[in-house]
Amino acid sequence: MENTLVSLDGIFGSGLRDGFANLGHQQPYTQFNFAVSRDFNVWPDAIWPSTKLLRFTVVNLLDTLYQLRSGTGIGEFAPQYGPRRGFYATLSQKL
């Protein structure tokens, strides 16, 4: 699997403070992301070889539903949640 990169990363949130006088906490959460990328040449014999990078990414691999903010603070009017599972494919040109 030459020119292929596999990656897995994660984040952990301990939970924002909430409630009266910020004495409480939101629930802690984790999110894992996964990606596979590969370099390849479209025209390897050309005068200027065209190296491309193809990448496939999964955000929130386990589709964990978690709340970032409860919406009870000053200036907050609605709860906010982390992203649901998402699939992304990108094609980029190396210069």
Foldseek 3Di string as FASTA:
>chain_A
DPQKDKDKDKDKDCFFFDDDVSPHGFHIDMFMKIKMKGWDWPDPPDPDTWIKMKMKMKTRVVQDKGWRACQPDVPRNHTHIDDGIDIDIDMGTDD
